[in-house]
Amino acid sequence: MIREEISIADAKIHFSELINKVVYGHEEIVITKRGKPVAVISAPETKSAGLASAQGWLEENDIFFKEMEQISEDRHLKKLRVSVPEQN
């Protein structure tokens, strides 16, 4: 990514042009005041898909979904859920 520095005074004059550089030129603009960086104009970060990207990693009949369904039902009915570990 190209990074350009520009003074506040010049940024005021060329604001539309700077925005176009960010949007179409994939640049990042550093606004300076007396030679020191005070602000950055950059494209918004794209958010990751999060859990949506995990779709399909479990089979539909996986025990996970049965457990989640049971938890949801218990919460709806306001039941306490106590888990006792299995002993071999």
PDB file of N, CA and C in Angstrom:
ATOM      1  N   MET A   1       0.851  -1.172   0.000  1.00  0.00           N
ATOM      2  CA  MET A   1       0.000   0.000   0.000  1.00  0.00           C
ATOM      3  C   MET A   1       0.897   1.236   0.000  1.00  0.00           C
ATOM      4  N   ILE A   2       0.574   2.166  -0.854  1.00  0.00           N
ATOM      5  CA  ILE A   2       1.325   3.408  -0.949  1.00  0.00           C
ATOM      6  C   ILE A   2       0.876   4.340   0.173  1.00  0.00           C
ATOM      7  N   ARG A   3       1.836   4.982   0.804  1.00  0.00           N
ATOM      8  CA  ARG A   3       1.540   5.894   1.908  1.00  0.00           C
ATOM      9  C   ARG A   3       2.069   7.275   1.536  1.00  0.00           C
ATOM     10  N   GLU A   4       1.186   8.263   1.552  1.00  0.00           N
ATOM     11  CA  GLU A   4       1.561   9.624   1.178  1.00  0.00           C
ATOM     12  C   GLU A   4       1.354  10.549   2.369  1.00  0.00           C
ATOM     13  N   GLU A   5       2.277  11.474   2.572  1.00  0.00           N
ATOM     14  CA  GLU A   5       2.129  12.474   3.629  1.00  0.00           C
ATOM     15  C   GLU A   5       1.755  13.808   3.010  1.00  0.00           C
ATOM     16  N   ILE A   6       0.864  14.532   3.684  1.00  0.00           N
ATOM     17  CA  ILE A   6       0.418  15.830   3.193  1.00  0.00           C
ATOM     18  C   ILE A   6       0.053  16.704   4.389  1.00  0.00           C
ATOM     19  N   SER A   7       0.304  17.999   4.269  1.00  0.00           N
ATOM     20  CA  SER A   7      -0.007  18.919   5.367  1.00  0.00           C
ATOM     21  C   SER A   7      -1.516  19.151   5.456  1.00  0.00           C
ATOM     22  N   ILE A   8      -1.950  19.608   6.613  1.00  0.00           N
ATOM     23  CA  ILE A   8      -3.377  19.904   6.800  1.00  0.00           C
ATOM     24  C   ILE A   8      -3.845  20.927   5.778  1.00  0.00           C
ATOM     25  N   ALA A   9      -3.056  21.976   5.558  1.00  0.00           N
ATOM     26  CA  ALA A   9      -3.439  23.030   4.609  1.00  0.00           C
ATOM     27  C   ALA A   9      -3.637  22.455   3.209  1.00  0.00           C
ATOM     28  N   ASP A  10      -2.696  21.616   2.752  1.00  0.00           N
ATOM     29  CA  ASP A  10      -2.825  21.011   1.425  1.00  0.00           C
ATOM     30  C   ASP A  10      -3.968  20.000   1.380  1.00  0.00           C
ATOM     31  N   ALA A  11      -4.191  19.301   2.480  1.00  0.00           N
ATOM     32  CA  ALA A  11      -5.286  18.327   2.530  1.00  0.00           C
ATOM     33  C   ALA A  11      -6.634  19.021   2.364  1.00  0.00           C
ATOM     34  N   LYS A  12      -6.782  20.213   2.954  1.00  0.00           N
ATOM     35  CA  LYS A  12      -8.028  20.978   2.803  1.00  0.00           C
ATOM     36  C   LYS A  12      -8.271  21.323   1.337  1.00  0.00           C
ATOM     37  N   ILE A  13      -7.225  21.725   0.667  1.00  0.00           N
ATOM     38  CA  ILE A  13      -7.346  22.141  -0.734  1.00  0.00           C
ATOM     39  C   ILE A  13      -7.642  20.952  -1.643  1.00  0.00           C
ATOM     40  N   HIS A  14      -7.030  19.807  -1.372  1.00  0.00           N
ATOM     41  CA  HIS A  14      -7.107  18.646  -2.272  1.00  0.00           C
ATOM     42  C   HIS A  14      -7.894  17.478  -1.681  1.00  0.00           C
ATOM     43  N   PHE A  15      -8.849  17.764  -0.807  1.00  0.00           N
ATOM     44  CA  PHE A  15      -9.540  16.691  -0.086  1.00  0.00           C
ATOM     45  C   PHE A  15     -10.186  15.661  -1.017  1.00  0.00           C
ATOM     46  N   SER A  16     -10.945  16.107  -2.018  1.00  0.00           N
ATOM     47  CA  SER A  16     -11.611  15.166  -2.941  1.00  0.00           C
ATOM     48  C   SER A  16     -10.596  14.285  -3.662  1.00  0.00           C
ATOM     49  N   GLU A  17      -9.507  14.885  -4.068  1.00  0.00           N
ATOM     50  CA  GLU A  17      -8.451  14.135  -4.755  1.00  0.00           C
ATOM     51  C   GLU A  17      -7.836  13.080  -3.827  1.00  0.00           C
ATOM     52  N   LEU A  18      -7.654  13.440  -2.565  1.00  0.00           N
ATOM     53  CA  LEU A  18      -7.099  12.495  -1.595  1.00  0.00           C
ATOM     54  C   LEU A  18      -8.033  11.312  -1.382  1.00  0.00           C
ATOM     55  N   ILE A  19      -9.322  11.603  -1.285  1.00  0.00           N
ATOM     56  CA  ILE A  19     -10.305  10.527  -1.118  1.00  0.00           C
ATOM     57  C   ILE A  19     -10.251   9.582  -2.311  1.00  0.00           C
ATOM     58  N   ASN A  20     -10.159  10.126  -3.510  1.00  0.00           N
ATOM     59  CA  ASN A  20     -10.066   9.282  -4.708  1.00  0.00           C
ATOM     60  C   ASN A  20      -8.808   8.417  -4.685  1.00  0.00           C
ATOM     61  N   LYS A  21      -7.704   8.963  -4.200  1.00  0.00           N
ATOM     62  CA  LYS A  21      -6.470   8.172  -4.102  1.00  0.00           C
ATOM     63  C   LYS A  21      -6.654   6.998  -3.145  1.00  0.00           C
ATOM     64  N   VAL A  22      -7.379   7.235  -2.067  1.00  0.00           N
ATOM     65  CA  VAL A  22      -7.622   6.165  -1.092  1.00  0.00           C
ATOM     66  C   VAL A  22      -8.542   5.110  -1.689  1.00  0.00           C
ATOM     67  N   VAL A  23      -9.634   5.565  -2.305  1.00  0.00           N
ATOM     68  CA  VAL A  23     -10.640   4.635  -2.824  1.00  0.00           C
ATOM     69  C   VAL A  23     -10.141   3.878  -4.051  1.00  0.00           C
ATOM     70  N   TYR A  24      -9.607   4.600  -5.019  1.00  0.00           N
ATOM     71  CA  TYR A  24      -9.263   3.970  -6.294  1.00  0.00           C
ATOM     72  C   TYR A  24      -7.784   3.592  -6.415  1.00  0.00           C
ATOM     73  N   GLY A  25      -6.934   4.289  -5.717  1.00  0.00           N
ATOM     74  CA  GLY A  25      -5.504   4.019  -5.812  1.00  0.00           C
ATOM     75  C   GLY A  25      -4.984   3.161  -4.681  1.00  0.00           C
ATOM     76  N   HIS A  26      -5.891   2.812  -3.753  1.00  0.00           N
ATOM     77  CA  HIS A  26      -5.533   1.983  -2.595  1.00  0.00           C
ATOM     78  C   HIS A  26      -4.350   2.581  -1.827  1.00  0.00           C
ATOM     79  N   GLU A  27      -4.390   3.903  -1.676  1.00  0.00           N
ATOM     80  CA  GLU A  27      -3.342   4.597  -0.939  1.00  0.00           C
ATOM     81  C   GLU A  27      -3.810   4.903   0.476  1.00  0.00           C
ATOM     82  N   GLU A  28      -2.864   5.230   1.319  1.00  0.00           N
ATOM     83  CA  GLU A  28      -3.146   5.687   2.669  1.00  0.00           C
ATOM     84  C   GLU A  28      -2.525   7.079   2.773  1.00  0.00           C
ATOM     85  N   ILE A  29      -3.298   8.038   3.257  1.00  0.00           N
ATOM     86  CA  ILE A  29      -2.837   9.418   3.336  1.00  0.00           C
ATOM     87  C   ILE A  29      -2.592   9.781   4.792  1.00  0.00           C
ATOM     88  N   VAL A  30      -1.390  10.255   5.087  1.00  0.00           N
ATOM     89  CA  VAL A  30      -1.046  10.697   6.436  1.00  0.00           C
ATOM     90  C   VAL A  30      -1.107  12.222   6.445  1.00  0.00           C
ATOM     91  N   ILE A  31      -1.960  12.770   7.293  1.00  0.00           N
ATOM     92  CA  ILE A  31      -2.103  14.217   7.425  1.00  0.00           C
ATOM     93  C   ILE A  31      -1.112  14.685   8.488  1.00  0.00           C
ATOM     94  N   THR A  32      -0.336  15.707   8.142  1.00  0.00           N
ATOM     95  CA  THR A  32       0.670  16.195   9.089  1.00  0.00           C
ATOM     96  C   THR A  32       0.386  17.634   9.506  1.00  0.00           C
ATOM     97  N   LYS A  33       0.836  17.959  10.706  1.00  0.00           N
ATOM     98  CA  LYS A  33       0.760  19.329  11.218  1.00  0.00           C
ATOM     99  C   LYS A  33       2.162  19.670  11.707  1.00  0.00           C
ATOM    100  N   ARG A  34       2.764  20.665  11.055  1.00  0.00           N
ATOM    101  CA  ARG A  34       4.147  21.049  11.365  1.00  0.00           C
ATOM    102  C   ARG A  34       5.103  19.857  11.239  1.00  0.00           C
ATOM    103  N   GLY A  35       4.822  19.028  10.229  1.00  0.00           N
ATOM    104  CA  GLY A  35       5.700  17.899   9.938  1.00  0.00           C
ATOM    105  C   GLY A  35       5.464  16.641  10.750  1.00  0.00           C
ATOM    106  N   LYS A  36       4.516  16.696  11.697  1.00  0.00           N
ATOM    107  CA  LYS A  36       4.245  15.523  12.533  1.00  0.00           C
ATOM    108  C   LYS A  36       2.894  14.916  12.155  1.00  0.00           C
ATOM    109  N   PRO A  37       2.817  13.586  12.045  1.00  0.00           N
ATOM    110  CA  PRO A  37       1.547  12.930  11.706  1.00  0.00           C
ATOM    111  C   PRO A  37       0.482  13.196  12.774  1.00  0.00           C
ATOM    112  N   VAL A  38      -0.725  13.589  12.318  1.00  0.00           N
ATOM    113  CA  VAL A  38      -1.830  13.828  13.254  1.00  0.00           C
ATOM    114  C   VAL A  38      -3.082  13.028  12.898  1.00  0.00           C
ATOM    115  N   ALA A  39      -3.159  12.547  11.660  1.00  0.00           N
ATOM    116  CA  ALA A  39      -4.342  11.788  11.233  1.00  0.00           C
ATOM    117  C   ALA A  39      -3.989  10.951  10.007  1.00  0.00           C
ATOM    118  N   VAL A  40      -4.847   9.966   9.743  1.00  0.00           N
ATOM    119  CA  VAL A  40      -4.659   9.097   8.578  1.00  0.00           C
ATOM    120  C   VAL A  40      -5.999   8.948   7.872  1.00  0.00           C
ATOM    121  N   ILE A  41      -5.970   9.045   6.556  1.00  0.00           N
ATOM    122  CA  ILE A  41      -7.150   8.737   5.741  1.00  0.00           C
ATOM    123  C   ILE A  41      -6.854   7.396   5.081  1.00  0.00           C
ATOM    124  N   SER A  42      -7.693   6.414   5.356  1.00  0.00           N
ATOM    125  CA  SER A  42      -7.497   5.089   4.762  1.00  0.00           C
ATOM    126  C   SER A  42      -8.855   4.451   4.513  1.00  0.00           C
ATOM    127  N   ALA A  43      -8.858   3.444   3.674  1.00  0.00           N
ATOM    128  CA  ALA A  43     -10.096   2.716   3.393  1.00  0.00           C
ATOM    129  C   ALA A  43     -10.517   1.959   4.648  1.00  0.00           C
ATOM    130  N   PRO A  44     -11.829   1.791   4.849  1.00  0.00           N
ATOM    131  CA  PRO A  44     -12.269   1.022   6.015  1.00  0.00           C
ATOM    132  C   PRO A  44     -11.803  -0.419   5.900  1.00  0.00           C
ATOM    133  N   GLU A  45     -11.487  -0.998   7.044  1.00  0.00           N
ATOM    134  CA  GLU A  45     -11.057  -2.393   7.059  1.00  0.00           C
ATOM    135  C   GLU A  45     -12.249  -3.288   6.766  1.00  0.00           C
ATOM    136  N   THR A  46     -11.996  -4.341   6.033  1.00  0.00           N
ATOM    137  CA  THR A  46     -13.063  -5.303   5.797  1.00  0.00           C
ATOM    138  C   THR A  46     -13.106  -6.250   6.976  1.00  0.00           C
ATOM    139  N   LYS A  47     -14.285  -6.500   7.455  1.00  0.00           N
ATOM    140  CA  LYS A  47     -14.442  -7.379   8.608  1.00  0.00           C
ATOM    141  C   LYS A  47     -14.361  -8.834   8.160  1.00  0.00           C
ATOM    142  N   SER A  48     -13.780  -9.641   8.998  1.00  0.00           N
ATOM    143  CA  SER A  48     -13.707 -11.065   8.685  1.00  0.00           C
ATOM    144  C   SER A  48     -15.091 -11.691   8.839  1.00  0.00           C
ATOM    145  N   ALA A  49     -15.286 -12.788   8.201  1.00  0.00           N
ATOM    146  CA  ALA A  49     -16.579 -13.462   8.232  1.00  0.00           C
ATOM    147  C   ALA A  49     -16.880 -14.067   9.597  1.00  0.00           C
ATOM    148  N   GLY A  50     -15.873 -14.179  10.445  1.00  0.00           N
ATOM    149  CA  GLY A  50     -16.079 -14.740  11.779  1.00  0.00           C
ATOM    150  C   GLY A  50     -16.601 -16.161  11.711  1.00  0.00           C
ATOM    151  N   LEU A  51     -17.615 -16.450  12.498  1.00  0.00           N
ATOM    152  CA  LEU A  51     -18.168 -17.808  12.530  1.00  0.00           C
ATOM    153  C   LEU A  51     -18.828 -18.201  11.215  1.00  0.00           C
ATOM    154  N   ALA A  52     -19.268 -17.226  10.440  1.00  0.00           N
ATOM    155  CA  ALA A  52     -19.895 -17.555   9.161  1.00  0.00           C
ATOM    156  C   ALA A  52     -18.922 -18.296   8.247  1.00  0.00           C
ATOM    157  N   SER A  53     -17.632 -18.044   8.393  1.00  0.00           N
ATOM    158  CA  SER A  53     -16.647 -18.724   7.554  1.00  0.00           C
ATOM    159  C   SER A  53     -16.475 -20.189   7.943  1.00  0.00           C
ATOM    160  N   ALA A  54     -16.977 -20.579   9.100  1.00  0.00           N
ATOM    161  CA  ALA A  54     -16.850 -21.962   9.565  1.00  0.00           C
ATOM    162  C   ALA A  54     -17.989 -22.850   9.070  1.00  0.00           C
ATOM    163  N   GLN A  55     -18.922 -22.274   8.333  1.00  0.00           N
ATOM    164  CA  GLN A  55     -20.061 -23.046   7.854  1.00  0.00           C
ATOM    165  C   GLN A  55     -19.581 -24.264   7.075  1.00  0.00           C
ATOM    166  N   GLY A  56     -20.138 -25.411   7.422  1.00  0.00           N
ATOM    167  CA  GLY A  56     -19.806 -26.641   6.722  1.00  0.00           C
ATOM    168  C   GLY A  56     -18.688 -27.444   7.356  1.00  0.00           C
ATOM    169  N   TRP A  57     -18.076 -26.984   8.417  1.00  0.00           N
ATOM    170  CA  TRP A  57     -16.975 -27.730   9.028  1.00  0.00           C
ATOM    171  C   TRP A  57     -17.466 -28.858   9.905  1.00  0.00           C
ATOM    172  N   LEU A  58     -18.749 -28.881  10.237  1.00  0.00           N
ATOM    173  CA  LEU A  58     -19.348 -29.992  10.979  1.00  0.00           C
ATOM    174  C   LEU A  58     -20.474 -30.600  10.151  1.00  0.00           C
ATOM    175  N   GLU A  59     -20.648 -31.887  10.296  1.00  0.00           N
ATOM    176  CA  GLU A  59     -21.767 -32.550   9.639  1.00  0.00           C
ATOM    177  C   GLU A  59     -23.059 -32.143  10.342  1.00  0.00           C
ATOM    178  N   GLU A  60     -24.157 -32.119   9.615  1.00  0.00           N
ATOM    179  CA  GLU A  60     -25.433 -31.702  10.205  1.00  0.00           C
ATOM    180  C   GLU A  60     -25.885 -32.607  11.339  1.00  0.00           C
ATOM    181  N   ASN A  61     -25.483 -33.862  11.324  1.00  0.00           N
ATOM    182  CA  ASN A  61     -25.901 -34.785  12.379  1.00  0.00           C
ATOM    183  C   ASN A  61     -24.870 -34.871  13.509  1.00  0.00           C
ATOM    184  N   ASP A  62     -23.931 -33.949  13.548  1.00  0.00           N
ATOM    185  CA  ASP A  62     -22.903 -33.931  14.597  1.00  0.00           C
ATOM    186  C   ASP A  62     -23.551 -33.697  15.961  1.00  0.00           C
ATOM    187  N   ILE A  63     -22.988 -34.298  17.002  1.00  0.00           N
ATOM    188  CA  ILE A  63     -23.498 -34.180  18.365  1.00  0.00           C
ATOM    189  C   ILE A  63     -23.529 -32.724  18.826  1.00  0.00           C
ATOM    190  N   PHE A  64     -22.653 -31.895  18.281  1.00  0.00           N
ATOM    191  CA  PHE A  64     -22.606 -30.475  18.630  1.00  0.00           C
ATOM    192  C   PHE A  64     -23.973 -29.822  18.453  1.00  0.00           C
ATOM    193  N   PHE A  65     -24.622 -30.091  17.327  1.00  0.00           N
ATOM    194  CA  PHE A  65     -25.907 -29.455  17.044  1.00  0.00           C
ATOM    195  C   PHE A  65     -27.003 -29.949  17.985  1.00  0.00           C
ATOM    196  N   LYS A  66     -26.946 -31.227  18.338  1.00  0.00           N
ATOM    197  CA  LYS A  66     -27.927 -31.761  19.289  1.00  0.00           C
ATOM    198  C   LYS A  66     -27.751 -31.093  20.649  1.00  0.00           C
ATOM    199  N   GLU A  67     -26.492 -30.952  21.073  1.00  0.00           N
ATOM    200  CA  GLU A  67     -26.205 -30.298  22.354  1.00  0.00           C
ATOM    201  C   GLU A  67     -26.666 -28.840  22.341  1.00  0.00           C
ATOM    202  N   MET A  68     -26.379 -28.134  21.264  1.00  0.00           N
ATOM    203  CA  MET A  68     -26.780 -26.727  21.168  1.00  0.00           C
ATOM    204  C   MET A  68     -28.300 -26.582  21.183  1.00  0.00           C
ATOM    205  N   GLU A  69     -28.983 -27.477  20.500  1.00  0.00           N
ATOM    206  CA  GLU A  69     -30.445 -27.446  20.496  1.00  0.00           C
ATOM    207  C   GLU A  69     -30.983 -27.681  21.905  1.00  0.00           C
ATOM    208  N   GLN A  70     -30.389 -28.633  22.625  1.00  0.00           N
ATOM    209  CA  GLN A  70     -30.816 -28.928  23.990  1.00  0.00           C
ATOM    210  C   GLN A  70     -30.563 -27.727  24.909  1.00  0.00           C
ATOM    211  N   ILE A  71     -29.421 -27.106  24.778  1.00  0.00           N
ATOM    212  CA  ILE A  71     -29.103 -25.921  25.583  1.00  0.00           C
ATOM    213  C   ILE A  71     -30.112 -24.814  25.312  1.00  0.00           C
ATOM    214  N   SER A  72     -30.429 -24.612  24.053  1.00  0.00           N
ATOM    215  CA  SER A  72     -31.402 -23.585  23.682  1.00  0.00           C
ATOM    216  C   SER A  72     -32.770 -23.872  24.290  1.00  0.00           C
ATOM    217  N   GLU A  73     -33.204 -25.123  24.209  1.00  0.00           N
ATOM    218  CA  GLU A  73     -34.493 -25.503  24.796  1.00  0.00           C
ATOM    219  C   GLU A  73     -34.481 -25.314  26.310  1.00  0.00           C
ATOM    220  N   ASP A  74     -33.381 -25.733  26.955  1.00  0.00           N
ATOM    221  CA  ASP A  74     -33.273 -25.586  28.405  1.00  0.00           C
ATOM    222  C   ASP A  74     -33.317 -24.120  28.818  1.00  0.00           C
ATOM    223  N   ARG A  75     -32.668 -23.275  28.069  1.00  0.00           N
ATOM    224  CA  ARG A  75     -32.692 -21.842  28.390  1.00  0.00           C
ATOM    225  C   ARG A  75     -34.091 -21.283  28.230  1.00  0.00           C
ATOM    226  N   HIS A  76     -34.757 -21.727  27.182  1.00  0.00           N
ATOM    227  CA  HIS A  76     -36.124 -21.265  26.948  1.00  0.00           C
ATOM    228  C   HIS A  76     -37.027 -21.692  28.105  1.00  0.00           C
ATOM    229  N   LEU A  77     -36.813 -22.894  28.601  1.00  0.00           N
ATOM    230  CA  LEU A  77     -37.618 -23.405  29.714  1.00  0.00           C
ATOM    231  C   LEU A  77     -37.023 -23.037  31.074  1.00  0.00           C
ATOM    232  N   LYS A  78     -35.890 -22.341  31.049  1.00  0.00           N
ATOM    233  CA  LYS A  78     -35.187 -21.901  32.265  1.00  0.00           C
ATOM    234  C   LYS A  78     -34.807 -23.062  33.172  1.00  0.00           C
ATOM    235  N   LYS A  79     -34.340 -24.133  32.548  1.00  0.00           N
ATOM    236  CA  LYS A  79     -33.874 -25.294  33.300  1.00  0.00           C
ATOM    237  C   LYS A  79     -32.400 -25.121  33.619  1.00  0.00           C
ATOM    238  N   LEU A  80     -32.003 -25.626  34.780  1.00  0.00           N
ATOM    239  CA  LEU A  80     -30.587 -25.669  35.115  1.00  0.00           C
ATOM    240  C   LEU A  80     -29.969 -26.850  34.392  1.00  0.00           C
ATOM    241  N   ARG A  81     -28.787 -26.684  33.904  1.00  0.00           N
ATOM    242  CA  ARG A  81     -28.110 -27.742  33.170  1.00  0.00           C
ATOM    243  C   ARG A  81     -26.882 -28.157  33.969  1.00  0.00           C
ATOM    244  N   VAL A  82     -26.888 -29.383  34.433  1.00  0.00           N
ATOM    245  CA  VAL A  82     -25.767 -29.908  35.205  1.00  0.00           C
ATOM    246  C   VAL A  82     -25.108 -30.999  34.385  1.00  0.00           C
ATOM    247  N   SER A  83     -23.813 -30.894  34.242  1.00  0.00           N
ATOM    248  CA  SER A  83     -23.072 -31.869  33.458  1.00  0.00           C
ATOM    249  C   SER A  83     -22.206 -32.705  34.388  1.00  0.00           C
ATOM    250  N   VAL A  84     -22.350 -34.010  34.290  1.00  0.00           N
ATOM    251  CA  VAL A  84     -21.549 -34.929  35.097  1.00  0.00           C
ATOM    252  C   VAL A  84     -20.644 -35.693  34.144  1.00  0.00           C
ATOM    253  N   PRO A  85     -19.337 -35.648  34.363  1.00  0.00           N
ATOM    254  CA  PRO A  85     -18.426 -36.349  33.456  1.00  0.00           C
ATOM    255  C   PRO A  85     -18.629 -37.859  33.517  1.00  0.00           C
ATOM    256  N   GLU A  86     -18.490 -38.487  32.347  1.00  0.00           N
ATOM    257  CA  GLU A  86     -18.617 -39.943  32.280  1.00  0.00           C
ATOM    258  C   GLU A  86     -17.394 -40.589  32.893  1.00  0.00           C
ATOM    259  N   GLN A  87     -17.608 -41.724  33.567  1.00  0.00           N
ATOM    260  CA  GLN A  87     -16.487 -42.467  34.132  1.00  0.00           C
ATOM    261  C   GLN A  87     -16.323 -43.760  33.363  1.00  0.00           C
ATOM    262  N   ASN A  88     -15.100 -44.120  33.081  1.00  0.00           N
ATOM    263  CA  ASN A  88     -14.818 -45.339  32.309  1.00  0.00           C
ATOM    264  C   ASN A  88     -14.688 -46.525  33.194  1.00  0.00           C
TER     265      ASN A  88
END
